[in-house]
Amino acid sequence: MCSQVGLPRALSGRQLTKVMTEPATTHVPRLAAGCRMTQSADLGPVLLLPESMLRLTGPGPRILELCDGTRTLADVIAALQSEFSAADPAMIQREVLAFVASLNERRALDFT
């Protein structure tokens, strides 16, 4: 999902290296002020942060598209479970929650 040290590759089965508090599925995620997703000619999808950039891989861009401030995390997870119906739904939920928690820790996502 992201090629930055310390961020998970959601939906790939890799484990997080440190413990993070996962957001509740009732929370509504959106990009934080000063952050935006764009397409780089060289790197593909990237998330621009105020002082850095994260290269997004796999379903990372799709997850961020769904984190638009109108859907709960439960809605985001359900949409991804529908889109990736061959994958284990519980694994999708775990990985999405870990991915958004890591972005929240980096202050790239806010929750309401």
N, C-alpha and C. Protein backbone atom coordinates (compact mmCIF):
# COMPACT_ATOMS: atom_id res chain seq x y z
N MET A 1 0.81 -1.18 0.00
CA MET A 1 0.00 0.00 0.00
C MET A 1 0.86 1.25 0.00
N CYS A 2 1.89 1.27 0.80
CA CYS A 2 2.80 2.41 0.85
C CYS A 2 4.22 1.88 0.87
N SER A 3 5.10 2.56 0.18
CA SER A 3 6.49 2.14 0.23
C SER A 3 7.29 3.13 1.06
N GLN A 4 6.96 3.21 2.33
CA GLN A 4 7.65 4.06 3.28
C GLN A 4 7.90 3.19 4.50
N VAL A 5 9.05 3.24 5.08
CA VAL A 5 9.40 2.40 6.22
C VAL A 5 8.39 2.61 7.34
N GLY A 6 7.94 1.52 7.92
CA GLY A 6 7.03 1.59 9.06
C GLY A 6 5.56 1.54 8.69
N LEU A 7 5.21 1.65 7.39
CA LEU A 7 3.82 1.57 7.00
C LEU A 7 3.54 0.18 6.46
N PRO A 8 2.33 -0.34 6.74
CA PRO A 8 2.02 -1.69 6.30
C PRO A 8 1.75 -1.76 4.81
N ARG A 9 1.96 -2.92 4.25
CA ARG A 9 1.52 -3.19 2.89
C ARG A 9 0.20 -3.93 3.05
N ALA A 10 -0.86 -3.17 3.20
CA ALA A 10 -2.17 -3.75 3.47
C ALA A 10 -2.55 -4.74 2.38
N LEU A 11 -3.26 -5.75 2.77
CA LEU A 11 -3.74 -6.82 1.92
C LEU A 11 -2.61 -7.69 1.38
N SER A 12 -1.41 -7.56 1.94
CA SER A 12 -0.32 -8.41 1.47
C SER A 12 0.08 -9.46 2.50
N GLY A 13 -0.46 -9.39 3.69
CA GLY A 13 -0.16 -10.38 4.71
C GLY A 13 1.02 -10.02 5.59
N ARG A 14 1.67 -8.88 5.34
CA ARG A 14 2.80 -8.49 6.18
C ARG A 14 2.29 -7.96 7.52
N GLN A 15 3.08 -8.13 8.55
CA GLN A 15 2.70 -7.70 9.89
C GLN A 15 3.27 -6.32 10.19
N LEU A 16 2.57 -5.57 11.04
CA LEU A 16 3.07 -4.27 11.48
C LEU A 16 4.23 -4.47 12.44
N THR A 17 5.17 -3.52 12.43
CA THR A 17 6.32 -3.64 13.30
C THR A 17 6.10 -3.01 14.66
N LYS A 18 5.07 -2.19 14.82
CA LYS A 18 4.78 -1.64 16.13
C LYS A 18 3.27 -1.59 16.34
N VAL A 19 2.88 -1.51 17.60
CA VAL A 19 1.47 -1.56 17.96
C VAL A 19 0.85 -0.18 17.76
N MET A 20 -0.29 -0.16 17.09
CA MET A 20 -1.02 1.08 16.88
C MET A 20 -2.45 0.87 17.33
N THR A 21 -3.10 1.94 17.74
CA THR A 21 -4.51 1.87 18.08
C THR A 21 -5.31 1.95 16.79
N GLU A 22 -6.11 0.94 16.55
CA GLU A 22 -6.93 0.93 15.34
C GLU A 22 -8.16 1.79 15.56
N PRO A 23 -8.56 2.53 14.53
CA PRO A 23 -9.78 3.33 14.64
C PRO A 23 -11.01 2.43 14.65
N ALA A 24 -12.10 2.94 15.19
CA ALA A 24 -13.35 2.20 15.21
C ALA A 24 -13.97 2.21 13.82
N THR A 25 -14.69 1.15 13.50
CA THR A 25 -15.32 1.08 12.18
C THR A 25 -16.44 2.09 12.01
N THR A 26 -16.85 2.74 13.09
CA THR A 26 -17.87 3.79 13.00
C THR A 26 -17.27 5.15 12.66
N HIS A 27 -15.95 5.27 12.73
CA HIS A 27 -15.28 6.53 12.39
C HIS A 27 -15.36 6.79 10.89
N VAL A 28 -15.35 8.07 10.53
CA VAL A 28 -15.40 8.49 9.13
C VAL A 28 -14.04 9.11 8.78
N PRO A 29 -13.24 8.43 7.95
CA PRO A 29 -11.91 8.93 7.61
C PRO A 29 -11.93 9.88 6.42
N ARG A 30 -11.00 10.83 6.44
CA ARG A 30 -10.78 11.73 5.31
C ARG A 30 -9.33 12.18 5.35
N LEU A 31 -8.82 12.60 4.20
CA LEU A 31 -7.45 13.11 4.18
C LEU A 31 -7.34 14.33 5.08
N ALA A 32 -6.24 14.43 5.79
CA ALA A 32 -6.00 15.56 6.68
C ALA A 32 -5.68 16.81 5.85
N ALA A 33 -5.85 17.95 6.47
CA ALA A 33 -5.51 19.22 5.82
C ALA A 33 -4.06 19.18 5.37
N GLY A 34 -3.80 19.64 4.17
CA GLY A 34 -2.44 19.68 3.65
C GLY A 34 -2.00 18.39 2.98
N CYS A 35 -2.87 17.37 2.95
CA CYS A 35 -2.54 16.10 2.32
C CYS A 35 -3.42 15.90 1.09
N ARG A 36 -2.83 15.32 0.06
CA ARG A 36 -3.63 15.00 -1.13
C ARG A 36 -2.99 13.86 -1.89
N MET A 37 -3.85 13.12 -2.58
CA MET A 37 -3.38 12.03 -3.41
C MET A 37 -3.28 12.53 -4.84
N THR A 38 -2.21 12.13 -5.52
CA THR A 38 -2.01 12.53 -6.91
C THR A 38 -1.28 11.42 -7.66
N GLN A 39 -1.11 11.62 -8.94
CA GLN A 39 -0.43 10.65 -9.80
C GLN A 39 0.92 11.25 -10.20
N SER A 40 1.99 10.54 -9.90
CA SER A 40 3.33 10.95 -10.29
C SER A 40 3.69 10.23 -11.58
N ALA A 41 4.29 10.95 -12.53
CA ALA A 41 4.70 10.34 -13.79
C ALA A 41 5.73 9.23 -13.56
N ASP A 42 6.57 9.39 -12.58
CA ASP A 42 7.63 8.42 -12.30
C ASP A 42 7.23 7.33 -11.31
N LEU A 43 6.44 7.70 -10.31
CA LEU A 43 6.17 6.78 -9.19
C LEU A 43 4.77 6.18 -9.19
N GLY A 44 3.88 6.70 -9.98
CA GLY A 44 2.49 6.25 -9.93
C GLY A 44 1.74 7.01 -8.85
N PRO A 45 0.75 6.38 -8.21
CA PRO A 45 -0.03 7.07 -7.19
C PRO A 45 0.83 7.39 -5.96
N VAL A 46 0.71 8.63 -5.50
CA VAL A 46 1.44 9.06 -4.31
C VAL A 46 0.52 9.87 -3.41
N LEU A 47 0.83 9.85 -2.13
CA LEU A 47 0.13 10.67 -1.16
C LEU A 47 1.10 11.76 -0.73
N LEU A 48 0.73 12.99 -1.02
CA LEU A 48 1.57 14.12 -0.65
C LEU A 48 1.20 14.58 0.75
N LEU A 49 2.19 14.64 1.62
CA LEU A 49 2.04 15.11 2.99
C LEU A 49 2.75 16.44 3.11
N PRO A 50 2.48 17.22 4.14
CA PRO A 50 3.14 18.53 4.25
C PRO A 50 4.67 18.48 4.14
N GLU A 51 5.32 17.46 4.67
CA GLU A 51 6.78 17.43 4.64
C GLU A 51 7.36 16.16 4.04
N SER A 52 6.51 15.36 3.37
CA SER A 52 7.01 14.13 2.77
C SER A 52 6.02 13.63 1.73
N MET A 53 6.34 12.48 1.17
CA MET A 53 5.50 11.86 0.16
C MET A 53 5.53 10.36 0.38
N LEU A 54 4.39 9.71 0.19
CA LEU A 54 4.30 8.26 0.29
C LEU A 54 3.87 7.70 -1.05
N ARG A 55 4.60 6.72 -1.55
CA ARG A 55 4.22 6.03 -2.77
C ARG A 55 3.17 4.99 -2.41
N LEU A 56 2.04 5.02 -3.08
CA LEU A 56 0.94 4.10 -2.80
C LEU A 56 1.00 2.93 -3.76
N THR A 57 0.81 1.73 -3.23
CA THR A 57 0.83 0.53 -4.06
C THR A 57 -0.39 -0.31 -3.77
N GLY A 58 -0.63 -1.30 -4.61
CA GLY A 58 -1.75 -2.22 -4.41
C GLY A 58 -3.06 -1.49 -4.24
N PRO A 59 -3.85 -1.87 -3.25
CA PRO A 59 -5.15 -1.23 -3.04
C PRO A 59 -5.08 0.10 -2.28
N GLY A 60 -3.88 0.56 -1.95
CA GLY A 60 -3.74 1.83 -1.20
C GLY A 60 -4.48 2.99 -1.83
N PRO A 61 -4.31 3.25 -3.13
CA PRO A 61 -5.03 4.36 -3.74
C PRO A 61 -6.56 4.20 -3.64
N ARG A 62 -7.04 2.98 -3.84
CA ARG A 62 -8.49 2.75 -3.76
C ARG A 62 -9.00 2.98 -2.35
N ILE A 63 -8.26 2.55 -1.36
CA ILE A 63 -8.69 2.79 0.02
C ILE A 63 -8.79 4.29 0.28
N LEU A 64 -7.79 5.05 -0.16
CA LEU A 64 -7.84 6.49 0.07
C LEU A 64 -8.95 7.16 -0.72
N GLU A 65 -9.27 6.66 -1.90
CA GLU A 65 -10.41 7.20 -2.65
C GLU A 65 -11.70 7.03 -1.85
N LEU A 66 -11.82 5.90 -1.18
CA LEU A 66 -13.02 5.63 -0.39
C LEU A 66 -13.05 6.41 0.92
N CYS A 67 -11.89 6.87 1.39
CA CYS A 67 -11.81 7.65 2.63
C CYS A 67 -12.05 9.13 2.29
N ASP A 68 -13.29 9.42 1.89
CA ASP A 68 -13.62 10.75 1.38
C ASP A 68 -14.38 11.63 2.36
N GLY A 69 -14.50 11.18 3.61
CA GLY A 69 -15.20 11.98 4.62
C GLY A 69 -16.71 11.77 4.63
N THR A 70 -17.21 10.88 3.77
CA THR A 70 -18.65 10.60 3.75
C THR A 70 -18.97 9.17 4.17
N ARG A 71 -17.99 8.29 4.13
CA ARG A 71 -18.20 6.87 4.46
C ARG A 71 -17.54 6.54 5.80
N THR A 72 -18.19 5.64 6.54
CA THR A 72 -17.54 5.12 7.74
C THR A 72 -16.50 4.10 7.31
N LEU A 73 -15.62 3.75 8.24
CA LEU A 73 -14.65 2.70 7.93
C LEU A 73 -15.36 1.38 7.61
N ALA A 74 -16.48 1.14 8.25
CA ALA A 74 -17.26 -0.08 7.94
C ALA A 74 -17.71 -0.05 6.49
N ASP A 75 -18.13 1.12 5.98
CA ASP A 75 -18.53 1.25 4.58
C ASP A 75 -17.34 1.02 3.65
N VAL A 76 -16.19 1.58 4.01
CA VAL A 76 -14.97 1.42 3.20
C VAL A 76 -14.60 -0.06 3.13
N ILE A 77 -14.61 -0.71 4.28
CA ILE A 77 -14.26 -2.13 4.34
C ILE A 77 -15.24 -2.96 3.53
N ALA A 78 -16.54 -2.69 3.65
CA ALA A 78 -17.55 -3.43 2.90
C ALA A 78 -17.36 -3.26 1.39
N ALA A 79 -17.03 -2.04 0.96
CA ALA A 79 -16.80 -1.80 -0.47
C ALA A 79 -15.60 -2.59 -0.96
N LEU A 80 -14.53 -2.61 -0.17
CA LEU A 80 -13.34 -3.35 -0.57
C LEU A 80 -13.57 -4.86 -0.53
N GLN A 81 -14.33 -5.33 0.42
CA GLN A 81 -14.66 -6.75 0.48
C GLN A 81 -15.47 -7.16 -0.75
N SER A 82 -16.30 -6.27 -1.23
CA SER A 82 -17.07 -6.54 -2.44
C SER A 82 -16.16 -6.54 -3.68
N GLU A 83 -15.27 -5.55 -3.75
CA GLU A 83 -14.36 -5.44 -4.89
C GLU A 83 -13.33 -6.57 -4.94
N PHE A 84 -12.87 -7.00 -3.78
CA PHE A 84 -11.86 -8.05 -3.68
C PHE A 84 -12.51 -9.30 -3.08
N SER A 85 -13.57 -9.78 -3.73
CA SER A 85 -14.39 -10.85 -3.16
C SER A 85 -13.64 -12.18 -3.02
N ALA A 86 -12.55 -12.35 -3.74
CA ALA A 86 -11.78 -13.59 -3.61
C ALA A 86 -10.92 -13.62 -2.35
N ALA A 87 -10.69 -12.45 -1.76
CA ALA A 87 -9.85 -12.37 -0.56
C ALA A 87 -10.68 -12.64 0.69
N ASP A 88 -10.00 -13.04 1.76
CA ASP A 88 -10.66 -13.30 3.04
C ASP A 88 -11.18 -11.98 3.62
N PRO A 89 -12.50 -11.87 3.87
CA PRO A 89 -13.06 -10.62 4.38
C PRO A 89 -12.44 -10.16 5.71
N ALA A 90 -12.14 -11.10 6.59
CA ALA A 90 -11.53 -10.73 7.88
C ALA A 90 -10.13 -10.16 7.67
N MET A 91 -9.39 -10.70 6.72
CA MET A 91 -8.05 -10.19 6.43
C MET A 91 -8.14 -8.78 5.84
N ILE A 92 -9.11 -8.56 4.96
CA ILE A 92 -9.29 -7.21 4.40
C ILE A 92 -9.57 -6.23 5.52
N GLN A 93 -10.46 -6.59 6.42
CA GLN A 93 -10.78 -5.68 7.52
C GLN A 93 -9.54 -5.37 8.36
N ARG A 94 -8.80 -6.40 8.75
CA ARG A 94 -7.59 -6.19 9.56
C ARG A 94 -6.60 -5.28 8.85
N GLU A 95 -6.36 -5.56 7.58
CA GLU A 95 -5.35 -4.80 6.83
C GLU A 95 -5.79 -3.35 6.57
N VAL A 96 -7.06 -3.14 6.27
CA VAL A 96 -7.55 -1.77 6.06
C VAL A 96 -7.45 -0.98 7.36
N LEU A 97 -7.86 -1.58 8.46
CA LEU A 97 -7.77 -0.88 9.74
C LEU A 97 -6.33 -0.54 10.09
N ALA A 98 -5.41 -1.46 9.84
CA ALA A 98 -4.00 -1.19 10.11
C ALA A 98 -3.46 -0.09 9.19
N PHE A 99 -3.85 -0.12 7.93
CA PHE A 99 -3.39 0.89 6.96
C PHE A 99 -3.87 2.28 7.35
N VAL A 100 -5.16 2.41 7.66
CA VAL A 100 -5.67 3.74 8.00
C VAL A 100 -5.13 4.20 9.36
N ALA A 101 -4.89 3.27 10.28
CA ALA A 101 -4.29 3.64 11.56
C ALA A 101 -2.88 4.19 11.35
N SER A 102 -2.12 3.56 10.45
CA SER A 102 -0.76 4.03 10.20
C SER A 102 -0.78 5.40 9.53
N LEU A 103 -1.73 5.64 8.64
CA LEU A 103 -1.83 6.96 8.02
C LEU A 103 -2.29 8.01 9.03
N ASN A 104 -3.16 7.60 9.95
CA ASN A 104 -3.58 8.52 11.01
C ASN A 104 -2.41 8.87 11.91
N GLU A 105 -1.57 7.88 12.21
CA GLU A 105 -0.39 8.13 13.04
C GLU A 105 0.56 9.13 12.37
N ARG A 106 0.63 9.08 11.05
CA ARG A 106 1.47 10.02 10.30
C ARG A 106 0.76 11.35 10.04
N ARG A 107 -0.45 11.48 10.60
CA ARG A 107 -1.28 12.68 10.45
C ARG A 107 -1.70 12.93 9.00
N ALA A 108 -1.87 11.84 8.25
CA ALA A 108 -2.34 11.93 6.87
C ALA A 108 -3.85 11.75 6.77
N LEU A 109 -4.45 11.12 7.78
CA LEU A 109 -5.90 10.91 7.82
C LEU A 109 -6.44 11.46 9.12
N ASP A 110 -7.63 12.03 9.03
CA ASP A 110 -8.38 12.46 10.21
C ASP A 110 -9.64 11.62 10.28
N PHE A 111 -10.21 11.49 11.47
CA PHE A 111 -11.45 10.75 11.66
C PHE A 111 -12.46 11.61 12.37
N THR A 112 -13.71 11.47 11.95
CA THR A 112 -14.81 12.17 12.64
C THR A 112 -15.75 11.15 13.20
